[in-house]
Amino acid sequence: MRRLVALTFFTCVSAWAQDTPLPETEKSAIEYKSIPEALAGLRAKPGTEISNQGGWTIAIEPDTKVIWSFAPESHPAYPALVKRAVVSQNGSVFVKMDVKCQASKSACDALVREFIQLNEKMRSSFQSKENKQE
């Protein structure tokens, strides 16, 4: 049976133990009720840039610095989406991440771990850019 898993993180933690189940919540900060609704809503939203990168559908909202990543059918966590927002607070850069995943708990946890690593790289890149601007 598939279940909906929603996760919200501020990605300042560099890694979770690989065998420890990740925390989850039934309430999602994602404003769409389903993954197909999210993709359709973003496609209709003015200013949103949609592309395909390595089979993933990527939607970028440049004005709000939000990146949506939709897993391809070939991914173990499909159907899943990851919403990431770059947040600058008190001189530090964070990546706020929300996930909707309807695959198995282990596949969803693996997806989240994969994105935690990507977020840390993205956060470091944004932090470097902000430090150069000072």
C-alpha atoms as a PDB file:
ATOM      1  CA  MET A   1       0.000   0.000   0.000  1.00  0.00           C
ATOM      2  CA  ARG A   2       1.331   3.420  -0.918  1.00  0.00           C
ATOM      3  CA  ARG A   3       1.173   6.170   1.615  1.00  0.00           C
ATOM      4  CA  LEU A   4       1.731   9.881   1.529  1.00  0.00           C
ATOM      5  CA  VAL A   5       4.813  11.048   3.350  1.00  0.00           C
ATOM      6  CA  ALA A   6       5.405  14.721   3.922  1.00  0.00           C
ATOM      7  CA  LEU A   7       8.658  15.989   5.355  1.00  0.00           C
ATOM      8  CA  THR A   8       9.803  19.464   6.264  1.00  0.00           C
ATOM      9  CA  PHE A   9      13.446  20.252   6.971  1.00  0.00           C
ATOM     10  CA  PHE A  10      15.748  23.177   7.416  1.00  0.00           C
ATOM     11  CA  THR A  11      18.813  21.663   5.850  1.00  0.00           C
ATOM     12  CA  CYS A  12      21.626  22.740   8.065  1.00  0.00           C
ATOM     13  CA  VAL A  13      22.353  19.184   9.162  1.00  0.00           C
ATOM     14  CA  SER A  14      24.979  17.630   6.923  1.00  0.00           C
ATOM     15  CA  ALA A  15      23.850  14.004   7.135  1.00  0.00           C
ATOM     16  CA  TRP A  16      21.501  11.562   8.828  1.00  0.00           C
ATOM     17  CA  ALA A  17      22.543   8.024   9.717  1.00  0.00           C
ATOM     18  CA  GLN A  18      21.839   5.908   6.663  1.00  0.00           C
ATOM     19  CA  ASP A  19      19.885   3.225   8.516  1.00  0.00           C
ATOM     20  CA  THR A  20      17.866   5.485  10.829  1.00  0.00           C
ATOM     21  CA  PRO A  21      14.313   6.169   9.612  1.00  0.00           C
ATOM     22  CA  LEU A  22      13.725   9.861   9.052  1.00  0.00           C
ATOM     23  CA  PRO A  23      10.980  11.764  10.885  1.00  0.00           C
ATOM     24  CA  GLU A  24       7.795  12.458   8.973  1.00  0.00           C
ATOM     25  CA  THR A  25       4.595  14.364   9.378  1.00  0.00           C
ATOM     26  CA  GLU A  26       1.161  14.018   7.857  1.00  0.00           C
ATOM     27  CA  LYS A  27       0.839  17.808   7.510  1.00  0.00           C
ATOM     28  CA  SER A  28       2.701  19.291   4.589  1.00  0.00           C
ATOM     29  CA  ALA A  29       3.844  22.847   3.991  1.00  0.00           C
ATOM     30  CA  ILE A  30       3.333  22.158   0.272  1.00  0.00           C
ATOM     31  CA  GLU A  31       0.271  24.075  -0.851  1.00  0.00           C
ATOM     32  CA  TYR A  32      -0.858  21.476  -3.400  1.00  0.00           C
ATOM     33  CA  LYS A  33      -2.915  18.431  -2.398  1.00  0.00           C
ATOM     34  CA  SER A  34      -1.252  16.047  -4.837  1.00  0.00           C
ATOM     35  CA  ILE A  35       1.862  15.703  -6.943  1.00  0.00           C
ATOM     36  CA  PRO A  36       0.001  15.995 -10.293  1.00  0.00           C
ATOM     37  CA  GLU A  37      -1.859  19.066  -8.988  1.00  0.00           C
ATOM     38  CA  ALA A  38       1.479  20.664  -8.020  1.00  0.00           C
ATOM     39  CA  LEU A  39       2.958  20.121 -11.469  1.00  0.00           C
ATOM     40  CA  ALA A  40      -0.171  21.430 -13.207  1.00  0.00           C
ATOM     41  CA  GLY A  41      -0.315  24.445 -10.902  1.00  0.00           C
ATOM     42  CA  LEU A  42       3.317  25.315 -11.501  1.00  0.00           C
ATOM     43  CA  ARG A  43       2.947  24.908 -15.270  1.00  0.00           C
ATOM     44  CA  ALA A  44       0.090  27.451 -15.154  1.00  0.00           C
ATOM     45  CA  LYS A  45       1.878  29.891 -12.847  1.00  0.00           C
ATOM     46  CA  PRO A  46       3.281  32.950 -14.660  1.00  0.00           C
ATOM     47  CA  GLY A  47       7.060  33.325 -14.402  1.00  0.00           C
ATOM     48  CA  THR A  48       7.733  29.711 -13.474  1.00  0.00           C
ATOM     49  CA  GLU A  49      10.484  28.104 -15.548  1.00  0.00           C
ATOM     50  CA  ILE A  50       9.914  24.406 -16.328  1.00  0.00           C
ATOM     51  CA  SER A  51      12.681  22.157 -17.646  1.00  0.00           C
ATOM     52  CA  ASN A  52      13.738  18.524 -17.802  1.00  0.00           C
ATOM     53  CA  GLN A  53      17.084  17.621 -16.247  1.00  0.00           C
ATOM     54  CA  GLY A  54      18.173  13.999 -16.280  1.00  0.00           C
ATOM     55  CA  GLY A  55      14.556  12.824 -16.444  1.00  0.00           C
ATOM     56  CA  TRP A  56      13.489  15.034 -13.531  1.00  0.00           C
ATOM     57  CA  THR A  57      10.932  17.760 -14.145  1.00  0.00           C
ATOM     58  CA  ILE A  58      12.276  20.934 -12.549  1.00  0.00           C
ATOM     59  CA  ALA A  59      10.136  24.005 -11.883  1.00  0.00           C
ATOM     60  CA  ILE A  60      11.881  27.180 -10.764  1.00  0.00           C
ATOM     61  CA  GLU A  61      10.102  30.182  -9.284  1.00  0.00           C
ATOM     62  CA  PRO A  62      12.852  32.808  -9.646  1.00  0.00           C
ATOM     63  CA  ASP A  63      11.066  35.554  -7.707  1.00  0.00           C
ATOM     64  CA  THR A  64      10.754  33.431  -4.569  1.00  0.00           C
ATOM     65  CA  LYS A  65      13.957  31.350  -5.009  1.00  0.00           C
ATOM     66  CA  VAL A  66      11.930  28.126  -4.915  1.00  0.00           C
ATOM     67  CA  ILE A  67      12.950  25.009  -6.838  1.00  0.00           C
ATOM     68  CA  TRP A  68      10.520  22.120  -7.335  1.00  0.00           C
ATOM     69  CA  SER A  69      11.904  18.719  -8.390  1.00  0.00           C
ATOM     70  CA  PHE A  70       9.535  16.001  -9.632  1.00  0.00           C
ATOM     71  CA  ALA A  71      10.937  12.472  -9.655  1.00  0.00           C
ATOM     72  CA  PRO A  72      10.813  10.574 -12.948  1.00  0.00           C
ATOM     73  CA  GLU A  73       8.838   7.330 -13.196  1.00  0.00           C
ATOM     74  CA  SER A  74      12.130   5.419 -13.212  1.00  0.00           C
ATOM     75  CA  HIS A  75      13.125   6.716  -9.754  1.00  0.00           C
ATOM     76  CA  PRO A  76      12.504   4.378  -6.775  1.00  0.00           C
ATOM     77  CA  ALA A  77      10.715   7.188  -4.891  1.00  0.00           C
ATOM     78  CA  TYR A  78       8.237   7.926  -7.729  1.00  0.00           C
ATOM     79  CA  PRO A  79       5.786   9.565  -7.395  1.00  0.00           C
ATOM     80  CA  ALA A  80       7.550  12.253  -5.395  1.00  0.00           C
ATOM     81  CA  LEU A  81       8.279  15.945  -5.382  1.00  0.00           C
ATOM     82  CA  VAL A  82      10.792  18.017  -3.479  1.00  0.00           C
ATOM     83  CA  LYS A  83      10.229  21.727  -2.873  1.00  0.00           C
ATOM     84  CA  ARG A  84      13.302  23.701  -1.845  1.00  0.00           C
ATOM     85  CA  ALA A  85      13.451  27.354  -0.867  1.00  0.00           C
ATOM     86  CA  VAL A  86      16.642  29.281  -0.269  1.00  0.00           C
ATOM     87  CA  VAL A  87      16.274  31.273   2.943  1.00  0.00           C
ATOM     88  CA  SER A  88      18.746  33.854   4.212  1.00  0.00           C
ATOM     89  CA  GLN A  89      18.519  34.511   7.924  1.00  0.00           C
ATOM     90  CA  ASN A  90      20.893  36.371  10.259  1.00  0.00           C
ATOM     91  CA  GLY A  91      23.707  36.222   7.713  1.00  0.00           C
ATOM     92  CA  SER A  92      23.342  32.489   7.116  1.00  0.00           C
ATOM     93  CA  VAL A  93      21.820  30.677   4.175  1.00  0.00           C
ATOM     94  CA  PHE A  94      19.499  27.719   4.670  1.00  0.00           C
ATOM     95  CA  VAL A  95      17.578  25.488   2.324  1.00  0.00           C
ATOM     96  CA  LYS A  96      14.046  24.807   3.530  1.00  0.00           C
ATOM     97  CA  MET A  97      12.897  21.530   2.072  1.00  0.00           C
ATOM     98  CA  ASP A  98       9.431  19.997   1.865  1.00  0.00           C
ATOM     99  CA  VAL A  99       8.784  16.577   0.363  1.00  0.00           C
ATOM    100  CA  LYS A 100       5.717  14.694  -0.847  1.00  0.00           C
ATOM    101  CA  CYS A 101       6.532  11.083  -1.535  1.00  0.00           C
ATOM    102  CA  GLN A 102       4.133   8.221  -2.216  1.00  0.00           C
ATOM    103  CA  ALA A 103       6.665   5.414  -2.463  1.00  0.00           C
ATOM    104  CA  SER A 104       7.907   3.101   0.292  1.00  0.00           C
ATOM    105  CA  LYS A 105       9.346   4.616   3.469  1.00  0.00           C
ATOM    106  CA  SER A 106      12.857   3.434   2.573  1.00  0.00           C
ATOM    107  CA  ALA A 107      12.668   4.890  -0.967  1.00  0.00           C
ATOM    108  CA  CYS A 108      11.344   8.199   0.381  1.00  0.00           C
ATOM    109  CA  ASP A 109      14.027   8.333   3.070  1.00  0.00           C
ATOM    110  CA  ALA A 110      16.713   7.670   0.439  1.00  0.00           C
ATOM    111  CA  LEU A 111      15.299  10.518  -1.668  1.00  0.00           C
ATOM    112  CA  VAL A 112      15.411  12.884   1.304  1.00  0.00           C
ATOM    113  CA  ARG A 113      19.005  11.891   2.106  1.00  0.00           C
ATOM    114  CA  GLU A 114      19.962  12.481  -1.529  1.00  0.00           C
ATOM    115  CA  PHE A 115      18.459  15.970  -1.420  1.00  0.00           C
ATOM    116  CA  ILE A 116      20.024  16.788   1.967  1.00  0.00           C
ATOM    117  CA  GLN A 117      23.414  16.337   0.296  1.00  0.00           C
ATOM    118  CA  LEU A 118      22.372  18.439  -2.714  1.00  0.00           C
ATOM    119  CA  ASN A 119      21.003  21.119  -0.390  1.00  0.00           C
ATOM    120  CA  GLU A 120      24.263  21.356   1.497  1.00  0.00           C
ATOM    121  CA  LYS A 121      26.108  21.950  -1.779  1.00  0.00           C
ATOM    122  CA  MET A 122      23.527  24.541  -2.837  1.00  0.00           C
ATOM    123  CA  ARG A 123      23.652  26.256   0.558  1.00  0.00           C
ATOM    124  CA  SER A 124      27.441  26.440   0.419  1.00  0.00           C
ATOM    125  CA  SER A 125      27.291  27.916  -3.075  1.00  0.00           C
ATOM    126  CA  PHE A 126      24.796  30.617  -2.020  1.00  0.00           C
ATOM    127  CA  GLN A 127      26.789  31.339   1.151  1.00  0.00           C
ATOM    128  CA  SER A 128      29.952  31.809  -0.928  1.00  0.00           C
ATOM    129  CA  LYS A 129      28.152  34.194  -3.294  1.00  0.00           C
ATOM    130  CA  GLU A 130      26.778  36.245  -0.390  1.00  0.00           C
ATOM    131  CA  ASN A 131      30.223  36.435   1.261  1.00  0.00           C
ATOM    132  CA  LYS A 132      31.756  37.723  -2.002  1.00  0.00           C
ATOM    133  CA  GLN A 133      29.126  40.474  -2.216  1.00  0.00           C
ATOM    134  CA  GLU A 134      29.999  41.853   1.223  1.00  0.00           C
END
